[in-house]
Every structure is written in structure tokens, then in C-alpha cells.
Amino acid sequence: MTATTQKRLAIAGAIAALAIFAGANVHLITVSFNSHPECAPISTGRAPAQDMC
């Protein structure tokens, strides 16, 4: 394997790793905005400080 091929392979691997990292972060942000934990069923027992639903 030549030095140029190794360099291109390393750059391609770094770009792929960055793309996966960015995609995972975008997915995390999307899921956090689309979830509504404040509307989860209230368990019996102690009452919450404020009812959000």
C-alpha cells in the first residue's frame, strides 16, 4: 500500500467517524425534542409538585 493510499484511507475513515458521531448527536437531539416525559402516567403514591398534562 502506498503512502498516498494510506493517507486517503485515513482521511476517509476520519470523515466516516465524524459523520457517524454527528448523526448520533442529531438523533439524540431529535428524540429529546420529540419525547414528552412530562406527560408520562403519574404513579400512585405521592402527588407531583405540578401536573403538566
PDB file of N, CA and C in Angstrom:
ATOM      1  N   MET A   1       0.860  -1.166   0.000  1.00  0.00           N
ATOM      2  CA  MET A   1       0.000   0.000   0.000  1.00  0.00           C
ATOM      3  C   MET A   1       0.910   1.234   0.000  1.00  0.00           C
ATOM      4  N   THR A   2       0.616   2.139  -0.882  1.00  0.00           N
ATOM      5  CA  THR A   2       1.448   3.341  -0.982  1.00  0.00           C
ATOM      6  C   THR A   2       1.058   4.349   0.082  1.00  0.00           C
ATOM      7  N   ALA A   3       1.901   5.333   0.269  1.00  0.00           N
ATOM      8  CA  ALA A   3       1.645   6.366   1.275  1.00  0.00           C
ATOM      9  C   ALA A   3       0.409   7.180   0.918  1.00  0.00           C
ATOM     10  N   THR A   4       0.203   7.423  -0.363  1.00  0.00           N
ATOM     11  CA  THR A   4      -0.972   8.185  -0.792  1.00  0.00           C
ATOM     12  C   THR A   4      -2.253   7.417  -0.498  1.00  0.00           C
ATOM     13  N   THR A   5      -2.244   6.126  -0.734  1.00  0.00           N
ATOM     14  CA  THR A   5      -3.413   5.297  -0.459  1.00  0.00           C
ATOM     15  C   THR A   5      -3.703   5.253   1.034  1.00  0.00           C
ATOM     16  N   GLN A   6      -2.667   5.136   1.838  1.00  0.00           N
ATOM     17  CA  GLN A   6      -2.853   5.132   3.292  1.00  0.00           C
ATOM     18  C   GLN A   6      -3.436   6.457   3.775  1.00  0.00           C
ATOM     19  N   LYS A   7      -2.949   7.545   3.205  1.00  0.00           N
ATOM     20  CA  LYS A   7      -3.436   8.871   3.593  1.00  0.00           C
ATOM     21  C   LYS A   7      -4.909   9.029   3.226  1.00  0.00           C
ATOM     22  N   ARG A   8      -5.262   8.611   2.027  1.00  0.00           N
ATOM     23  CA  ARG A   8      -6.664   8.712   1.598  1.00  0.00           C
ATOM     24  C   ARG A   8      -7.568   7.830   2.458  1.00  0.00           C
ATOM     25  N   LEU A   9      -7.087   6.651   2.793  1.00  0.00           N
ATOM     26  CA  LEU A   9      -7.866   5.743   3.627  1.00  0.00           C
ATOM     27  C   LEU A   9      -8.053   6.315   5.030  1.00  0.00           C
ATOM     28  N   ALA A  10      -7.016   6.921   5.571  1.00  0.00           N
ATOM     29  CA  ALA A  10      -7.110   7.532   6.898  1.00  0.00           C
ATOM     30  C   ALA A  10      -8.078   8.711   6.889  1.00  0.00           C
ATOM     31  N   ILE A  11      -8.021   9.527   5.857  1.00  0.00           N
ATOM     32  CA  ILE A  11      -8.935  10.672   5.753  1.00  0.00           C
ATOM     33  C   ILE A  11     -10.371  10.186   5.592  1.00  0.00           C
ATOM     34  N   ALA A  12     -10.584   9.165   4.766  1.00  0.00           N
ATOM     35  CA  ALA A  12     -11.933   8.616   4.583  1.00  0.00           C
ATOM     36  C   ALA A  12     -12.462   8.029   5.888  1.00  0.00           C
ATOM     37  N   GLY A  13     -11.612   7.360   6.635  1.00  0.00           N
ATOM     38  CA  GLY A  13     -12.031   6.806   7.924  1.00  0.00           C
ATOM     39  C   GLY A  13     -12.387   7.892   8.920  1.00  0.00           C
ATOM     40  N   ALA A  14     -11.602   8.967   8.939  1.00  0.00           N
ATOM     41  CA  ALA A  14     -11.893  10.076   9.849  1.00  0.00           C
ATOM     42  C   ALA A  14     -13.201  10.757   9.482  1.00  0.00           C
ATOM     43  N   ILE A  15     -13.445  10.935   8.204  1.00  0.00           N
ATOM     44  CA  ILE A  15     -14.702  11.548   7.759  1.00  0.00           C
ATOM     45  C   ILE A  15     -15.884  10.649   8.109  1.00  0.00           C
ATOM     46  N   ALA A  16     -15.731   9.342   7.926  1.00  0.00           N
ATOM     47  CA  ALA A  16     -16.808   8.409   8.275  1.00  0.00           C
ATOM     48  C   ALA A  16     -17.089   8.434   9.775  1.00  0.00           C
ATOM     49  N   ALA A  17     -16.037   8.491  10.591  1.00  0.00           N
ATOM     50  CA  ALA A  17     -16.229   8.539  12.043  1.00  0.00           C
ATOM     51  C   ALA A  17     -16.932   9.827  12.459  1.00  0.00           C
ATOM     52  N   LEU A  18     -16.552  10.943  11.859  1.00  0.00           N
ATOM     53  CA  LEU A  18     -17.214  12.214  12.162  1.00  0.00           C
ATOM     54  C   LEU A  18     -18.678  12.204  11.733  1.00  0.00           C
ATOM     55  N   ALA A  19     -18.962  11.596  10.585  1.00  0.00           N
ATOM     56  CA  ALA A  19     -20.345  11.519  10.117  1.00  0.00           C
ATOM     57  C   ALA A  19     -21.199  10.677  11.061  1.00  0.00           C
ATOM     58  N   ILE A  20     -20.665   9.574  11.539  1.00  0.00           N
ATOM     59  CA  ILE A  20     -21.406   8.729  12.486  1.00  0.00           C
ATOM     60  C   ILE A  20     -21.635   9.473  13.794  1.00  0.00           C
ATOM     61  N   PHE A  21     -20.611  10.162  14.285  1.00  0.00           N
ATOM     62  CA  PHE A  21     -20.726  10.929  15.526  1.00  0.00           C
ATOM     63  C   PHE A  21     -21.771  12.033  15.387  1.00  0.00           C
ATOM     64  N   ALA A  22     -21.735  12.772  14.280  1.00  0.00           N
ATOM     65  CA  ALA A  22     -22.703  13.851  14.062  1.00  0.00           C
ATOM     66  C   ALA A  22     -24.115  13.287  13.919  1.00  0.00           C
ATOM     67  N   GLY A  23     -24.255  12.175  13.210  1.00  0.00           N
ATOM     68  CA  GLY A  23     -25.565  11.557  13.051  1.00  0.00           C
ATOM     69  C   GLY A  23     -26.149  11.087  14.367  1.00  0.00           C
ATOM     70  N   ALA A  24     -25.317  10.539  15.225  1.00  0.00           N
ATOM     71  CA  ALA A  24     -25.796  10.092  16.537  1.00  0.00           C
ATOM     72  C   ALA A  24     -26.250  11.280  17.378  1.00  0.00           C
ATOM     73  N   ASN A  25     -25.523  12.386  17.313  1.00  0.00           N
ATOM     74  CA  ASN A  25     -25.920  13.570  18.076  1.00  0.00           C
ATOM     75  C   ASN A  25     -27.219  14.168  17.547  1.00  0.00           C
ATOM     76  N   VAL A  26     -27.382  14.202  16.232  1.00  0.00           N
ATOM     77  CA  VAL A  26     -28.630  14.705  15.652  1.00  0.00           C
ATOM     78  C   VAL A  26     -29.792  13.818  16.080  1.00  0.00           C
ATOM     79  N   HIS A  27     -29.585  12.509  16.076  1.00  0.00           N
ATOM     80  CA  HIS A  27     -30.637  11.586  16.505  1.00  0.00           C
ATOM     81  C   HIS A  27     -30.995  11.814  17.975  1.00  0.00           C
ATOM     82  N   LEU A  28     -29.998  12.010  18.812  1.00  0.00           N
ATOM     83  CA  LEU A  28     -30.238  12.252  20.235  1.00  0.00           C
ATOM     84  C   LEU A  28     -31.055  13.525  20.445  1.00  0.00           C
ATOM     85  N   ILE A  29     -30.717  14.581  19.736  1.00  0.00           N
ATOM     86  CA  ILE A  29     -31.449  15.845  19.867  1.00  0.00           C
ATOM     87  C   ILE A  29     -32.872  15.694  19.347  1.00  0.00           C
ATOM     88  N   THR A  30     -33.045  14.999  18.226  1.00  0.00           N
ATOM     89  CA  THR A  30     -34.380  14.788  17.659  1.00  0.00           C
ATOM     90  C   THR A  30     -35.266  14.003  18.619  1.00  0.00           C
ATOM     91  N   VAL A  31     -34.741  12.945  19.187  1.00  0.00           N
ATOM     92  CA  VAL A  31     -35.519  12.131  20.123  1.00  0.00           C
ATOM     93  C   VAL A  31     -35.862  12.929  21.370  1.00  0.00           C
ATOM     94  N   SER A  32     -34.933  13.743  21.851  1.00  0.00           N
ATOM     95  CA  SER A  32     -35.207  14.512  23.070  1.00  0.00           C
ATOM     96  C   SER A  32     -36.299  15.547  22.848  1.00  0.00           C
ATOM     97  N   PHE A  33     -36.370  16.147  21.662  1.00  0.00           N
ATOM     98  CA  PHE A  33     -37.420  17.120  21.401  1.00  0.00           C
ATOM     99  C   PHE A  33     -38.765  16.461  21.100  1.00  0.00           C
ATOM    100  N   ASN A  34     -38.751  15.249  20.564  1.00  0.00           N
ATOM    101  CA  ASN A  34     -40.000  14.568  20.227  1.00  0.00           C
ATOM    102  C   ASN A  34     -40.606  13.792  21.385  1.00  0.00           C
ATOM    103  N   SER A  35     -39.868  13.567  22.448  1.00  0.00           N
ATOM    104  CA  SER A  35     -40.419  12.848  23.592  1.00  0.00           C
ATOM    105  C   SER A  35     -41.103  13.833  24.530  1.00  0.00           C
ATOM    106  N   HIS A  36     -42.069  13.344  25.259  1.00  0.00           N
ATOM    107  CA  HIS A  36     -42.829  14.183  26.184  1.00  0.00           C
ATOM    108  C   HIS A  36     -42.863  13.512  27.556  1.00  0.00           C
ATOM    109  N   PRO A  37     -41.763  13.524  28.288  1.00  0.00           N
ATOM    110  CA  PRO A  37     -41.751  12.837  29.580  1.00  0.00           C
ATOM    111  C   PRO A  37     -42.676  13.483  30.602  1.00  0.00           C
ATOM    112  N   GLU A  38     -43.036  14.750  30.417  1.00  0.00           N
ATOM    113  CA  GLU A  38     -43.931  15.392  31.378  1.00  0.00           C
ATOM    114  C   GLU A  38     -45.353  14.844  31.276  1.00  0.00           C
ATOM    115  N   CYS A  39     -45.664  14.113  30.214  1.00  0.00           N
ATOM    116  CA  CYS A  39     -46.996  13.535  30.061  1.00  0.00           C
ATOM    117  C   CYS A  39     -46.999  12.033  30.359  1.00  0.00           C
ATOM    118  N   ALA A  40     -46.024  11.554  31.068  1.00  0.00           N
ATOM    119  CA  ALA A  40     -45.973  10.149  31.465  1.00  0.00           C
ATOM    120  C   ALA A  40     -47.051   9.890  32.509  1.00  0.00           C
ATOM    121  N   PRO A  41     -47.565   8.675  32.563  1.00  0.00           N
ATOM    122  CA  PRO A  41     -48.586   8.374  33.568  1.00  0.00           C
ATOM    123  C   PRO A  41     -48.046   8.614  34.983  1.00  0.00           C
ATOM    124  N   ILE A  42     -48.880   9.197  35.803  1.00  0.00           N
ATOM    125  CA  ILE A  42     -48.485   9.511  37.175  1.00  0.00           C
ATOM    126  C   ILE A  42     -48.656   8.267  38.028  1.00  0.00           C
ATOM    127  N   SER A  43     -47.619   7.902  38.745  1.00  0.00           N
ATOM    128  CA  SER A  43     -47.697   6.725  39.601  1.00  0.00           C
ATOM    129  C   SER A  43     -48.474   7.069  40.870  1.00  0.00           C
ATOM    130  N   THR A  44     -49.052   6.049  41.442  1.00  0.00           N
ATOM    131  CA  THR A  44     -49.789   6.265  42.683  1.00  0.00           C
ATOM    132  C   THR A  44     -48.806   6.503  43.815  1.00  0.00           C
ATOM    133  N   GLY A  45     -49.260   7.159  44.806  1.00  0.00           N
ATOM    134  CA  GLY A  45     -48.377   7.477  45.927  1.00  0.00           C
ATOM    135  C   GLY A  45     -48.348   8.984  46.120  1.00  0.00           C
ATOM    136  N   ARG A  46     -47.171   9.496  46.258  1.00  0.00           N
ATOM    137  CA  ARG A  46     -47.024  10.929  46.491  1.00  0.00           C
ATOM    138  C   ARG A  46     -47.391  11.717  45.237  1.00  0.00           C
ATOM    139  N   ALA A  47     -48.089  12.819  45.418  1.00  0.00           N
ATOM    140  CA  ALA A  47     -48.513  13.657  44.301  1.00  0.00           C
ATOM    141  C   ALA A  47     -47.337  14.487  43.788  1.00  0.00           C
ATOM    142  N   PRO A  48     -47.320  14.771  42.488  1.00  0.00           N
ATOM    143  CA  PRO A  48     -46.251  15.610  41.955  1.00  0.00           C
ATOM    144  C   PRO A  48     -46.438  17.058  42.391  1.00  0.00           C
ATOM    145  N   ALA A  49     -45.392  17.824  42.304  1.00  0.00           N
ATOM    146  CA  ALA A  49     -45.468  19.230  42.684  1.00  0.00           C
ATOM    147  C   ALA A  49     -46.380  19.989  41.728  1.00  0.00           C
ATOM    148  N   GLN A  50     -46.361  19.606  40.435  1.00  0.00           N
ATOM    149  CA  GLN A  50     -47.190  20.287  39.450  1.00  0.00           C
ATOM    150  C   GLN A  50     -47.576  19.275  38.377  1.00  0.00           C
ATOM    151  N   ASP A  51     -48.852  19.220  38.024  1.00  0.00           N
ATOM    152  CA  ASP A  51     -49.337  18.315  36.996  1.00  0.00           C
ATOM    153  C   ASP A  51     -49.189  18.998  35.645  1.00  0.00           C
ATOM    154  N   MET A  52     -48.429  18.397  34.726  1.00  0.00           N
ATOM    155  CA  MET A  52     -48.157  19.017  33.433  1.00  0.00           C
ATOM    156  C   MET A  52     -49.181  18.640  32.365  1.00  0.00           C
ATOM    157  N   CYS A  53     -49.971  17.583  32.557  1.00  0.00           N
ATOM    158  CA  CYS A  53     -50.870  17.118  31.497  1.00  0.00           C
ATOM    159  C   CYS A  53     -52.290  17.581  31.712  1.00  0.00           C
TER     160      CYS A  53
END
